[in-house]
Amino acid sequence: MRFPIPDFVPVPTPETMRIISIVSLAAGIGLVGAAALFLFSQREKEKRKKLSWIFMGTGVLLILNHAVQLFF
């Protein structure tokens, strides 16, 4: 479905949106990987686990953002 976009709303080109999507996917994969490494290397420390879960959640959100952008 096409909606009219007002002139004052900046709309990036499809190529720019593709680059943003790829960068968000790479950042999401990196955050999930780093969080998994922290979780497995720091098994005893609770503070590290909390930070790792925050990183993992952020990474998953970025990956889901990439998936949603593929639909549109």
PDB file of N, CA and C in Angstrom:
ATOM      1  N   MET A   1       0.839  -1.161   0.000  1.00  0.00           N
ATOM      2  CA  MET A   1       0.000   0.000   0.000  1.00  0.00           C
ATOM      3  C   MET A   1       0.900   1.245   0.000  1.00  0.00           C
ATOM      4  N   ARG A   2       0.565   2.191  -0.812  1.00  0.00           N
ATOM      5  CA  ARG A   2       1.327   3.443  -0.915  1.00  0.00           C
ATOM      6  C   ARG A   2       0.603   4.554  -0.178  1.00  0.00           C
ATOM      7  N   PHE A   3       1.330   5.238   0.689  1.00  0.00           N
ATOM      8  CA  PHE A   3       0.782   6.381   1.408  1.00  0.00           C
ATOM      9  C   PHE A   3       1.469   7.641   0.912  1.00  0.00           C
ATOM     10  N   PRO A   4       0.736   8.743   0.791  1.00  0.00           N
ATOM     11  CA  PRO A   4       1.390   9.996   0.395  1.00  0.00           C
ATOM     12  C   PRO A   4       2.311  10.483   1.516  1.00  0.00           C
ATOM     13  N   ILE A   5       3.539  10.822   1.144  1.00  0.00           N
ATOM     14  CA  ILE A   5       4.525  11.302   2.114  1.00  0.00           C
ATOM     15  C   ILE A   5       4.658  12.809   1.939  1.00  0.00           C
ATOM     16  N   PRO A   6       4.499  13.565   3.018  1.00  0.00           N
ATOM     17  CA  PRO A   6       4.639  15.022   2.904  1.00  0.00           C
ATOM     18  C   PRO A   6       6.061  15.410   2.490  1.00  0.00           C
ATOM     19  N   ASP A   7       6.183  16.597   1.893  1.00  0.00           N
ATOM     20  CA  ASP A   7       7.480  17.056   1.395  1.00  0.00           C
ATOM     21  C   ASP A   7       8.484  17.326   2.510  1.00  0.00           C
ATOM     22  N   PHE A   8       8.018  17.671   3.709  1.00  0.00           N
ATOM     23  CA  PHE A   8       8.943  18.026   4.781  1.00  0.00           C
ATOM     24  C   PHE A   8       9.517  16.799   5.506  1.00  0.00           C
ATOM     25  N   VAL A   9       9.070  15.591   5.157  1.00  0.00           N
ATOM     26  CA  VAL A   9       9.590  14.369   5.777  1.00  0.00           C
ATOM     27  C   VAL A   9      10.738  13.843   4.917  1.00  0.00           C
ATOM     28  N   PRO A  10      11.957  13.769   5.489  1.00  0.00           N
ATOM     29  CA  PRO A  10      13.079  13.246   4.701  1.00  0.00           C
ATOM     30  C   PRO A  10      12.973  11.723   4.559  1.00  0.00           C
ATOM     31  N   VAL A  11      13.021  11.245   3.339  1.00  0.00           N
ATOM     32  CA  VAL A  11      12.927   9.813   3.067  1.00  0.00           C
ATOM     33  C   VAL A  11      14.230   9.375   2.410  1.00  0.00           C
ATOM     34  N   PRO A  12      14.974   8.448   3.052  1.00  0.00           N
ATOM     35  CA  PRO A  12      16.226   7.989   2.455  1.00  0.00           C
ATOM     36  C   PRO A  12      15.967   7.132   1.213  1.00  0.00           C
ATOM     37  N   THR A  13      16.965   7.052   0.391  1.00  0.00           N
ATOM     38  CA  THR A  13      16.866   6.234  -0.815  1.00  0.00           C
ATOM     39  C   THR A  13      16.878   4.756  -0.421  1.00  0.00           C
ATOM     40  N   PRO A  14      16.410   3.893  -1.308  1.00  0.00           N
ATOM     41  CA  PRO A  14      16.439   2.451  -0.994  1.00  0.00           C
ATOM     42  C   PRO A  14      17.854   1.933  -0.730  1.00  0.00           C
ATOM     43  N   GLU A  15      18.837   2.460  -1.425  1.00  0.00           N
ATOM     44  CA  GLU A  15      20.226   2.031  -1.200  1.00  0.00           C
ATOM     45  C   GLU A  15      20.698   2.404   0.204  1.00  0.00           C
ATOM     46  N   THR A  16      20.346   3.595   0.666  1.00  0.00           N
ATOM     47  CA  THR A  16      20.708   4.014   2.022  1.00  0.00           C
ATOM     48  C   THR A  16      20.013   3.136   3.056  1.00  0.00           C
ATOM     49  N   MET A  17      18.765   2.810   2.836  1.00  0.00           N
ATOM     50  CA  MET A  17      18.043   1.933   3.760  1.00  0.00           C
ATOM     51  C   MET A  17      18.661   0.541   3.798  1.00  0.00           C
ATOM     52  N   ARG A  18      19.128   0.056   2.653  1.00  0.00           N
ATOM     53  CA  ARG A  18      19.774  -1.254   2.599  1.00  0.00           C
ATOM     54  C   ARG A  18      21.068  -1.250   3.399  1.00  0.00           C
ATOM     55  N   ILE A  19      21.845  -0.175   3.287  1.00  0.00           N
ATOM     56  CA  ILE A  19      23.098  -0.066   4.039  1.00  0.00           C
ATOM     57  C   ILE A  19      22.815  -0.003   5.539  1.00  0.00           C
ATOM     58  N   ILE A  20      21.821   0.777   5.937  1.00  0.00           N
ATOM     59  CA  ILE A  20      21.449   0.859   7.354  1.00  0.00           C
ATOM     60  C   ILE A  20      21.025  -0.516   7.863  1.00  0.00           C
ATOM     61  N   SER A  21      20.276  -1.250   7.064  1.00  0.00           N
ATOM     62  CA  SER A  21      19.812  -2.572   7.463  1.00  0.00           C
ATOM     63  C   SER A  21      20.978  -3.542   7.632  1.00  0.00           C
ATOM     64  N   ILE A  22      21.931  -3.521   6.719  1.00  0.00           N
ATOM     65  CA  ILE A  22      23.084  -4.418   6.800  1.00  0.00           C
ATOM     66  C   ILE A  22      23.957  -4.072   8.000  1.00  0.00           C
ATOM     67  N   VAL A  23      24.147  -2.786   8.258  1.00  0.00           N
ATOM     68  CA  VAL A  23      24.947  -2.369   9.415  1.00  0.00           C
ATOM     69  C   VAL A  23      24.255  -2.772  10.716  1.00  0.00           C
ATOM     70  N   SER A  24      22.936  -2.628  10.781  1.00  0.00           N
ATOM     71  CA  SER A  24      22.225  -3.032  12.002  1.00  0.00           C
ATOM     72  C   SER A  24      22.289  -4.544  12.190  1.00  0.00           C
ATOM     73  N   LEU A  25      22.260  -5.313  11.113  1.00  0.00           N
ATOM     74  CA  LEU A  25      22.397  -6.763  11.216  1.00  0.00           C
ATOM     75  C   LEU A  25      23.781  -7.139  11.731  1.00  0.00           C
ATOM     76  N   ALA A  26      24.824  -6.516  11.181  1.00  0.00           N
ATOM     77  CA  ALA A  26      26.190  -6.811  11.629  1.00  0.00           C
ATOM     78  C   ALA A  26      26.384  -6.423  13.091  1.00  0.00           C
ATOM     79  N   ALA A  27      25.858  -5.277  13.486  1.00  0.00           N
ATOM     80  CA  ALA A  27      25.974  -4.853  14.885  1.00  0.00           C
ATOM     81  C   ALA A  27      25.209  -5.803  15.799  1.00  0.00           C
ATOM     82  N   GLY A  28      24.043  -6.246  15.384  1.00  0.00           N
ATOM     83  CA  GLY A  28      23.257  -7.184  16.187  1.00  0.00           C
ATOM     84  C   GLY A  28      23.961  -8.514  16.365  1.00  0.00           C
ATOM     85  N   ILE A  29      24.531  -9.036  15.288  1.00  0.00           N
ATOM     86  CA  ILE A  29      25.261 -10.300  15.380  1.00  0.00           C
ATOM     87  C   ILE A  29      26.487 -10.139  16.275  1.00  0.00           C
ATOM     88  N   GLY A  30      27.175  -9.011  16.149  1.00  0.00           N
ATOM     89  CA  GLY A  30      28.339  -8.759  17.002  1.00  0.00           C
ATOM     90  C   GLY A  30      27.973  -8.669  18.473  1.00  0.00           C
ATOM     91  N   LEU A  31      26.882  -7.981  18.779  1.00  0.00           N
ATOM     92  CA  LEU A  31      26.454  -7.862  20.176  1.00  0.00           C
ATOM     93  C   LEU A  31      26.024  -9.206  20.758  1.00  0.00           C
ATOM     94  N   VAL A  32      25.311  -9.995  19.980  1.00  0.00           N
ATOM     95  CA  VAL A  32      24.892 -11.310  20.467  1.00  0.00           C
ATOM     96  C   VAL A  32      26.112 -12.204  20.677  1.00  0.00           C
ATOM     97  N   GLY A  33      27.065 -12.153  19.759  1.00  0.00           N
ATOM     98  CA  GLY A  33      28.283 -12.954  19.912  1.00  0.00           C
ATOM     99  C   GLY A  33      29.102 -12.540  21.117  1.00  0.00           C
ATOM    100  N   ALA A  34      29.267 -11.233  21.308  1.00  0.00           N
ATOM    101  CA  ALA A  34      30.023 -10.745  22.465  1.00  0.00           C
ATOM    102  C   ALA A  34      29.317 -11.102  23.765  1.00  0.00           C
ATOM    103  N   ALA A  35      28.008 -10.993  23.792  1.00  0.00           N
ATOM    104  CA  ALA A  35      27.253 -11.336  25.000  1.00  0.00           C
ATOM    105  C   ALA A  35      27.371 -12.822  25.310  1.00  0.00           C
ATOM    106  N   ALA A  36      27.326 -13.658  24.285  1.00  0.00           N
ATOM    107  CA  ALA A  36      27.469 -15.100  24.508  1.00  0.00           C
ATOM    108  C   ALA A  36      28.851 -15.428  25.055  1.00  0.00           C
ATOM    109  N   LEU A  37      29.885 -14.767  24.529  1.00  0.00           N
ATOM    110  CA  LEU A  37      31.236 -14.988  25.058  1.00  0.00           C
ATOM    111  C   LEU A  37      31.334 -14.570  26.513  1.00  0.00           C
ATOM    112  N   PHE A  38      30.755 -13.424  26.860  1.00  0.00           N
ATOM    113  CA  PHE A  38      30.778 -12.967  28.250  1.00  0.00           C
ATOM    114  C   PHE A  38      30.009 -13.922  29.160  1.00  0.00           C
ATOM    115  N   LEU A  39      28.875 -14.429  28.678  1.00  0.00           N
ATOM    116  CA  LEU A  39      28.086 -15.347  29.506  1.00  0.00           C
ATOM    117  C   LEU A  39      28.850 -16.634  29.803  1.00  0.00           C
ATOM    118  N   PHE A  40      29.532 -17.164  28.800  1.00  0.00           N
ATOM    119  CA  PHE A  40      30.241 -18.421  29.005  1.00  0.00           C
ATOM    120  C   PHE A  40      31.567 -18.245  29.732  1.00  0.00           C
ATOM    121  N   SER A  41      32.181 -17.072  29.629  1.00  0.00           N
ATOM    122  CA  SER A  41      33.469 -16.869  30.293  1.00  0.00           C
ATOM    123  C   SER A  41      33.321 -16.410  31.742  1.00  0.00           C
ATOM    124  N   GLN A  42      32.254 -15.714  32.086  1.00  0.00           N
ATOM    125  CA  GLN A  42      32.038 -15.202  33.443  1.00  0.00           C
ATOM    126  C   GLN A  42      30.842 -15.905  34.073  1.00  0.00           C
ATOM    127  N   ARG A  43      30.994 -17.134  34.463  1.00  0.00           N
ATOM    128  CA  ARG A  43      29.867 -17.902  35.003  1.00  0.00           C
ATOM    129  C   ARG A  43      29.520 -17.521  36.434  1.00  0.00           C
ATOM    130  N   GLU A  44      30.468 -17.030  37.229  1.00  0.00           N
ATOM    131  CA  GLU A  44      30.208 -16.785  38.645  1.00  0.00           C
ATOM    132  C   GLU A  44      29.692 -15.387  38.944  1.00  0.00           C
ATOM    133  N   LYS A  45      30.022 -14.418  38.150  1.00  0.00           N
ATOM    134  CA  LYS A  45      29.725 -13.021  38.469  1.00  0.00           C
ATOM    135  C   LYS A  45      28.342 -12.626  37.951  1.00  0.00           C
ATOM    136  N   GLU A  46      27.483 -12.176  38.843  1.00  0.00           N
ATOM    137  CA  GLU A  46      26.115 -11.810  38.473  1.00  0.00           C
ATOM    138  C   GLU A  46      26.047 -10.494  37.707  1.00  0.00           C
ATOM    139  N   LYS A  47      26.893  -9.526  38.059  1.00  0.00           N
ATOM    140  CA  LYS A  47      26.841  -8.232  37.369  1.00  0.00           C
ATOM    141  C   LYS A  47      27.183  -8.393  35.894  1.00  0.00           C
ATOM    142  N   ARG A  48      28.139  -9.232  35.604  1.00  0.00           N
ATOM    143  CA  ARG A  48      28.505  -9.468  34.206  1.00  0.00           C
ATOM    144  C   ARG A  48      27.372 -10.149  33.443  1.00  0.00           C
ATOM    145  N   LYS A  49      26.647 -11.018  34.119  1.00  0.00           N
ATOM    146  CA  LYS A  49      25.538 -11.692  33.445  1.00  0.00           C
ATOM    147  C   LYS A  49      24.438 -10.709  33.071  1.00  0.00           C
ATOM    148  N   LYS A  50      24.152  -9.772  33.963  1.00  0.00           N
ATOM    149  CA  LYS A  50      23.105  -8.794  33.677  1.00  0.00           C
ATOM    150  C   LYS A  50      23.484  -7.947  32.462  1.00  0.00           C
ATOM    151  N   LEU A  51      24.728  -7.498  32.409  1.00  0.00           N
ATOM    152  CA  LEU A  51      25.195  -6.707  31.273  1.00  0.00           C
ATOM    153  C   LEU A  51      25.177  -7.536  29.989  1.00  0.00           C
ATOM    154  N   SER A  52      25.548  -8.796  30.097  1.00  0.00           N
ATOM    155  CA  SER A  52      25.537  -9.670  28.923  1.00  0.00           C
ATOM    156  C   SER A  52      24.128  -9.856  28.376  1.00  0.00           C
ATOM    157  N   TRP A  53      23.147 -10.003  29.272  1.00  0.00           N
ATOM    158  CA  TRP A  53      21.767 -10.163  28.813  1.00  0.00           C
ATOM    159  C   TRP A  53      21.242  -8.881  28.174  1.00  0.00           C
ATOM    160  N   ILE A  54      21.691  -7.736  28.667  1.00  0.00           N
ATOM    161  CA  ILE A  54      21.302  -6.462  28.045  1.00  0.00           C
ATOM    162  C   ILE A  54      21.879  -6.375  26.638  1.00  0.00           C
ATOM    163  N   PHE A  55      23.169  -6.748  26.486  1.00  0.00           N
ATOM    164  CA  PHE A  55      23.788  -6.753  25.160  1.00  0.00           C
ATOM    165  C   PHE A  55      23.074  -7.733  24.229  1.00  0.00           C
ATOM    166  N   MET A  56      22.745  -8.907  24.751  1.00  0.00           N
ATOM    167  CA  MET A  56      22.093  -9.905  23.917  1.00  0.00           C
ATOM    168  C   MET A  56      20.706  -9.434  23.482  1.00  0.00           C
ATOM    169  N   GLY A  57      19.958  -8.826  24.381  1.00  0.00           N
ATOM    170  CA  GLY A  57      18.639  -8.309  24.025  1.00  0.00           C
ATOM    171  C   GLY A  57      18.715  -7.209  22.980  1.00  0.00           C
ATOM    172  N   THR A  58      19.700  -6.322  23.129  1.00  0.00           N
ATOM    173  CA  THR A  58      19.888  -5.257  22.141  1.00  0.00           C
ATOM    174  C   THR A  58      20.264  -5.837  20.785  1.00  0.00           C
ATOM    175  N   GLY A  59      21.140  -6.825  20.783  1.00  0.00           N
ATOM    176  CA  GLY A  59      21.532  -7.471  19.533  1.00  0.00           C
ATOM    177  C   GLY A  59      20.374  -8.162  18.845  1.00  0.00           C
ATOM    178  N   VAL A  60      19.546  -8.839  19.620  1.00  0.00           N
ATOM    179  CA  VAL A  60      18.378  -9.518  19.046  1.00  0.00           C
ATOM    180  C   VAL A  60      17.404  -8.494  18.470  1.00  0.00           C
ATOM    181  N   LEU A  61      17.223  -7.371  19.154  1.00  0.00           N
ATOM    182  CA  LEU A  61      16.344  -6.320  18.619  1.00  0.00           C
ATOM    183  C   LEU A  61      16.877  -5.772  17.294  1.00  0.00           C
ATOM    184  N   LEU A  62      18.188  -5.594  17.184  1.00  0.00           N
ATOM    185  CA  LEU A  62      18.761  -5.114  15.925  1.00  0.00           C
ATOM    186  C   LEU A  62      18.583  -6.140  14.809  1.00  0.00           C
ATOM    187  N   ILE A  63      18.739  -7.414  15.135  1.00  0.00           N
ATOM    188  CA  ILE A  63      18.537  -8.462  14.128  1.00  0.00           C
ATOM    189  C   ILE A  63      17.069  -8.509  13.695  1.00  0.00           C
ATOM    190  N   LEU A  64      16.153  -8.390  14.646  1.00  0.00           N
ATOM    191  CA  LEU A  64      14.725  -8.360  14.298  1.00  0.00           C
ATOM    192  C   LEU A  64      14.379  -7.128  13.467  1.00  0.00           C
ATOM    193  N   ASN A  65      15.039  -6.005  13.751  1.00  0.00           N
ATOM    194  CA  ASN A  65      14.839  -4.795  12.954  1.00  0.00           C
ATOM    195  C   ASN A  65      15.219  -5.067  11.500  1.00  0.00           C
ATOM    196  N   HIS A  66      16.314  -5.769  11.296  1.00  0.00           N
ATOM    197  CA  HIS A  66      16.741  -6.119   9.943  1.00  0.00           C
ATOM    198  C   HIS A  66      15.689  -7.007   9.267  1.00  0.00           C
ATOM    199  N   ALA A  67      15.160  -7.971  10.011  1.00  0.00           N
ATOM    200  CA  ALA A  67      14.156  -8.873   9.442  1.00  0.00           C
ATOM    201  C   ALA A  67      12.886  -8.119   9.060  1.00  0.00           C
ATOM    202  N   VAL A  68      12.467  -7.182   9.892  1.00  0.00           N
ATOM    203  CA  VAL A  68      11.265  -6.396   9.590  1.00  0.00           C
ATOM    204  C   VAL A  68      11.500  -5.518   8.366  1.00  0.00           C
ATOM    205  N   GLN A  69      12.691  -4.951   8.237  1.00  0.00           N
ATOM    206  CA  GLN A  69      12.983  -4.109   7.074  1.00  0.00           C
ATOM    207  C   GLN A  69      12.976  -4.915   5.787  1.00  0.00           C
ATOM    208  N   LEU A  70      13.282  -6.204   5.857  1.00  0.00           N
ATOM    209  CA  LEU A  70      13.244  -7.034   4.654  1.00  0.00           C
ATOM    210  C   LEU A  70      11.821  -7.216   4.131  1.00  0.00           C
ATOM    211  N   PHE A  71      10.838  -7.149   5.031  1.00  0.00           N
ATOM    212  CA  PHE A  71       9.454  -7.286   4.602  1.00  0.00           C
ATOM    213  C   PHE A  71       8.961  -6.067   3.836  1.00  0.00           C
ATOM    214  N   PHE A  72       9.550  -4.902   4.082  1.00  0.00           N
ATOM    215  CA  PHE A  72       9.099  -3.677   3.437  1.00  0.00           C
ATOM    216  C   PHE A  72      10.161  -3.209   2.527  1.00  0.00           C
TER     217      PHE A  72
END
